[in-house]
């Protein structure tokens, strides 16, 4: 998955319009990134990429770039 597709995938998880999400978008500026959105993200990472995060990693995510970092570390993101 390249960065553009990853951003679109993240936007879909949080029910945001494609193109509204960028690497620098903060958690606070995404209405759907609440507790339910976090659960959706965790489930999507598990289902699509078999990525499992611990509570500390989940709590540390404060921007879209953190999600991209998780994808990159697990080999799911093919470009920076």
N, C-alpha and C. Protein backbone atom coordinates (compact mmCIF):
# COMPACT_ATOMS: atom_id res chain seq x y z
N UNK A 1 0.85 -1.17 0.00
CA UNK A 1 0.00 0.00 0.00
C UNK A 1 0.90 1.24 0.00
N UNK A 2 0.61 2.18 -0.88
CA UNK A 2 1.38 3.42 -0.88
C UNK A 2 0.71 4.44 0.05
N UNK A 3 1.36 5.57 0.25
CA UNK A 3 0.87 6.57 1.19
C UNK A 3 -0.50 7.10 0.82
N UNK A 4 -0.73 7.37 -0.46
CA UNK A 4 -2.03 7.90 -0.89
C UNK A 4 -3.15 6.91 -0.55
N UNK A 5 -2.94 5.64 -0.87
CA UNK A 5 -3.95 4.63 -0.56
C UNK A 5 -4.13 4.47 0.94
N UNK A 6 -3.03 4.57 1.70
CA UNK A 6 -3.11 4.47 3.15
C UNK A 6 -3.93 5.62 3.72
N UNK A 7 -3.73 6.83 3.21
CA UNK A 7 -4.48 7.99 3.69
C UNK A 7 -5.97 7.84 3.37
N UNK A 8 -6.27 7.32 2.19
CA UNK A 8 -7.67 7.08 1.83
C UNK A 8 -8.29 6.00 2.72
N UNK A 9 -7.52 4.97 3.03
CA UNK A 9 -7.98 3.89 3.90
C UNK A 9 -8.27 4.43 5.31
N UNK A 10 -7.37 5.27 5.81
CA UNK A 10 -7.55 5.88 7.13
C UNK A 10 -8.78 6.78 7.13
N UNK A 11 -8.96 7.57 6.07
CA UNK A 11 -10.14 8.44 5.97
C UNK A 11 -11.42 7.60 6.00
N UNK A 12 -11.41 6.48 5.32
CA UNK A 12 -12.58 5.60 5.29
C UNK A 12 -12.90 5.06 6.69
N UNK A 13 -11.88 4.67 7.43
CA UNK A 13 -12.08 4.15 8.78
C UNK A 13 -12.77 5.18 9.66
N UNK A 14 -12.33 6.43 9.56
CA UNK A 14 -12.88 7.49 10.40
C UNK A 14 -14.05 8.23 9.75
N UNK A 15 -14.53 7.69 8.61
CA UNK A 15 -15.67 8.25 7.90
C UNK A 15 -15.47 9.72 7.54
N UNK A 16 -14.28 9.99 7.01
CA UNK A 16 -13.93 11.33 6.54
C UNK A 16 -13.85 11.30 5.01
N UNK A 17 -14.09 12.43 4.37
CA UNK A 17 -13.97 12.47 2.91
C UNK A 17 -12.51 12.21 2.47
N UNK A 18 -12.37 11.47 1.40
CA UNK A 18 -11.03 11.23 0.85
C UNK A 18 -10.39 12.58 0.54
N UNK A 19 -9.14 12.72 0.86
CA UNK A 19 -8.43 13.97 0.61
C UNK A 19 -8.41 14.91 1.80
N UNK A 20 -9.25 14.67 2.79
CA UNK A 20 -9.26 15.53 3.97
C UNK A 20 -8.18 15.12 4.98
N UNK A 21 -7.74 13.89 4.89
CA UNK A 21 -6.75 13.35 5.82
C UNK A 21 -5.36 13.46 5.20
N UNK A 22 -4.42 14.02 5.97
CA UNK A 22 -3.02 14.11 5.55
C UNK A 22 -2.17 13.57 6.69
N UNK A 23 -0.90 13.33 6.42
CA UNK A 23 -0.01 12.78 7.45
C UNK A 23 0.00 13.65 8.70
N UNK A 24 -0.06 14.95 8.53
CA UNK A 24 0.01 15.86 9.66
C UNK A 24 -1.31 16.12 10.36
N UNK A 25 -2.38 15.49 9.92
CA UNK A 25 -3.69 15.70 10.54
C UNK A 25 -3.69 15.12 11.95
N UNK A 26 -4.07 15.95 12.91
CA UNK A 26 -4.06 15.51 14.31
C UNK A 26 -5.32 14.73 14.65
N UNK A 27 -5.21 13.94 15.68
CA UNK A 27 -6.35 13.16 16.16
C UNK A 27 -7.50 14.09 16.54
N UNK A 28 -7.17 15.21 17.17
CA UNK A 28 -8.19 16.16 17.64
C UNK A 28 -9.01 16.76 16.50
N UNK A 29 -8.45 16.80 15.30
CA UNK A 29 -9.16 17.42 14.18
C UNK A 29 -9.98 16.41 13.38
N UNK A 30 -10.01 15.16 13.81
CA UNK A 30 -10.80 14.12 13.14
C UNK A 30 -11.93 13.72 14.08
N UNK A 31 -13.14 14.14 13.74
CA UNK A 31 -14.29 13.89 14.61
C UNK A 31 -14.50 12.40 14.88
N UNK A 32 -14.24 11.58 13.88
CA UNK A 32 -14.47 10.15 14.02
C UNK A 32 -13.40 9.40 14.80
N UNK A 33 -12.32 10.10 15.16
CA UNK A 33 -11.25 9.44 15.90
C UNK A 33 -11.50 9.58 17.39
N UNK A 34 -12.61 9.01 17.81
CA UNK A 34 -12.98 8.96 19.22
C UNK A 34 -12.74 7.54 19.71
N UNK A 35 -13.32 7.16 20.83
CA UNK A 35 -13.08 5.82 21.36
C UNK A 35 -13.59 4.74 20.40
N UNK A 36 -14.75 4.98 19.79
CA UNK A 36 -15.29 4.02 18.83
C UNK A 36 -14.42 3.97 17.57
N UNK A 37 -13.97 5.14 17.12
CA UNK A 37 -13.08 5.20 15.96
C UNK A 37 -11.77 4.48 16.21
N UNK A 38 -11.26 4.59 17.44
CA UNK A 38 -10.03 3.89 17.80
C UNK A 38 -10.24 2.38 17.72
N UNK A 39 -11.38 1.91 18.20
CA UNK A 39 -11.69 0.48 18.10
C UNK A 39 -11.79 0.05 16.64
N UNK A 40 -12.40 0.89 15.82
CA UNK A 40 -12.49 0.58 14.38
C UNK A 40 -11.11 0.50 13.75
N UNK A 41 -10.23 1.41 14.14
CA UNK A 41 -8.87 1.41 13.62
C UNK A 41 -8.13 0.13 14.03
N UNK A 42 -8.24 -0.22 15.30
CA UNK A 42 -7.59 -1.43 15.80
C UNK A 42 -8.08 -2.66 15.04
N UNK A 43 -9.39 -2.75 14.87
CA UNK A 43 -9.97 -3.89 14.15
C UNK A 43 -9.51 -3.91 12.70
N UNK A 44 -9.46 -2.75 12.06
CA UNK A 44 -9.05 -2.67 10.65
C UNK A 44 -7.58 -3.05 10.49
N UNK A 45 -6.73 -2.59 11.40
CA UNK A 45 -5.31 -2.97 11.33
C UNK A 45 -5.14 -4.47 11.47
N UNK A 46 -5.91 -5.06 12.37
CA UNK A 46 -5.85 -6.50 12.58
C UNK A 46 -6.36 -7.26 11.35
N UNK A 47 -7.53 -6.86 10.87
CA UNK A 47 -8.17 -7.57 9.76
C UNK A 47 -7.40 -7.46 8.46
N UNK A 48 -6.97 -6.25 8.12
CA UNK A 48 -6.34 -6.03 6.81
C UNK A 48 -4.85 -6.39 6.80
N UNK A 49 -4.15 -6.13 7.92
CA UNK A 49 -2.70 -6.29 7.91
C UNK A 49 -2.17 -7.26 8.97
N UNK A 50 -3.06 -7.82 9.78
CA UNK A 50 -2.65 -8.70 10.88
C UNK A 50 -1.67 -7.97 11.81
N UNK A 51 -1.97 -6.70 12.07
CA UNK A 51 -1.16 -5.88 12.97
C UNK A 51 -1.90 -5.79 14.30
N UNK A 52 -1.18 -6.14 15.37
CA UNK A 52 -1.75 -6.10 16.72
C UNK A 52 -0.95 -5.10 17.54
N UNK A 53 -1.63 -4.14 18.14
CA UNK A 53 -0.96 -3.10 18.93
C UNK A 53 -1.29 -3.28 20.40
N UNK A 54 -0.32 -2.93 21.25
CA UNK A 54 -0.62 -2.95 22.68
C UNK A 54 -1.21 -1.59 23.08
N UNK A 55 -1.70 -1.53 24.30
CA UNK A 55 -2.39 -0.33 24.77
C UNK A 55 -1.51 0.92 24.71
N UNK A 56 -0.25 0.76 25.03
CA UNK A 56 0.68 1.90 25.01
C UNK A 56 0.83 2.46 23.60
N UNK A 57 0.95 1.57 22.61
CA UNK A 57 1.08 2.00 21.21
C UNK A 57 -0.19 2.72 20.75
N UNK A 58 -1.33 2.21 21.16
CA UNK A 58 -2.61 2.81 20.77
C UNK A 58 -2.75 4.21 21.37
N UNK A 59 -2.43 4.33 22.64
CA UNK A 59 -2.54 5.62 23.32
C UNK A 59 -1.55 6.64 22.78
N UNK A 60 -0.43 6.18 22.24
CA UNK A 60 0.61 7.08 21.73
C UNK A 60 0.23 7.71 20.38
N UNK A 61 -0.77 7.16 19.71
CA UNK A 61 -1.15 7.70 18.40
C UNK A 61 -1.93 8.99 18.57
N UNK A 62 -1.35 10.09 18.08
CA UNK A 62 -2.00 11.39 18.22
C UNK A 62 -2.19 12.10 16.89
N UNK A 63 -1.73 11.48 15.81
CA UNK A 63 -1.88 12.08 14.48
C UNK A 63 -1.84 10.96 13.44
N UNK A 64 -2.28 11.28 12.26
CA UNK A 64 -2.30 10.31 11.17
C UNK A 64 -0.90 9.78 10.90
N UNK A 65 0.11 10.61 11.04
CA UNK A 65 1.49 10.16 10.80
C UNK A 65 1.86 9.00 11.72
N UNK A 66 1.25 8.92 12.91
CA UNK A 66 1.52 7.80 13.81
C UNK A 66 0.94 6.50 13.25
N UNK A 67 -0.23 6.58 12.63
CA UNK A 67 -0.82 5.40 11.99
C UNK A 67 0.05 4.97 10.82
N UNK A 68 0.50 5.93 10.03
CA UNK A 68 1.40 5.63 8.91
C UNK A 68 2.68 4.97 9.41
N UNK A 69 3.18 5.43 10.55
CA UNK A 69 4.38 4.84 11.14
C UNK A 69 4.17 3.38 11.52
N UNK A 70 3.00 3.08 12.08
CA UNK A 70 2.67 1.69 12.42
C UNK A 70 2.67 0.84 11.14
N UNK A 71 2.01 1.34 10.10
CA UNK A 71 1.96 0.61 8.83
C UNK A 71 3.36 0.41 8.27
N UNK A 72 4.19 1.44 8.37
CA UNK A 72 5.56 1.37 7.85
C UNK A 72 6.38 0.34 8.64
N UNK A 73 6.29 0.37 9.96
CA UNK A 73 7.06 -0.56 10.80
C UNK A 73 6.67 -2.01 10.55
N UNK A 74 5.44 -2.24 10.17
CA UNK A 74 4.97 -3.61 9.94
C UNK A 74 5.03 -4.01 8.47
N UNK A 75 5.65 -3.18 7.65
CA UNK A 75 5.86 -3.52 6.25
C UNK A 75 4.62 -3.38 5.36
N UNK A 76 3.59 -2.72 5.86
CA UNK A 76 2.35 -2.57 5.09
C UNK A 76 2.36 -1.31 4.22
N UNK A 77 3.29 -0.39 4.49
CA UNK A 77 3.38 0.85 3.72
C UNK A 77 4.65 0.79 2.90
N UNK A 78 4.51 0.94 1.59
CA UNK A 78 5.63 0.73 0.69
C UNK A 78 6.42 1.98 0.34
N UNK A 79 5.93 3.14 0.74
CA UNK A 79 6.68 4.37 0.46
C UNK A 79 6.53 5.30 1.65
N UNK A 80 7.46 6.24 1.76
CA UNK A 80 7.45 7.17 2.89
C UNK A 80 6.36 8.20 2.79
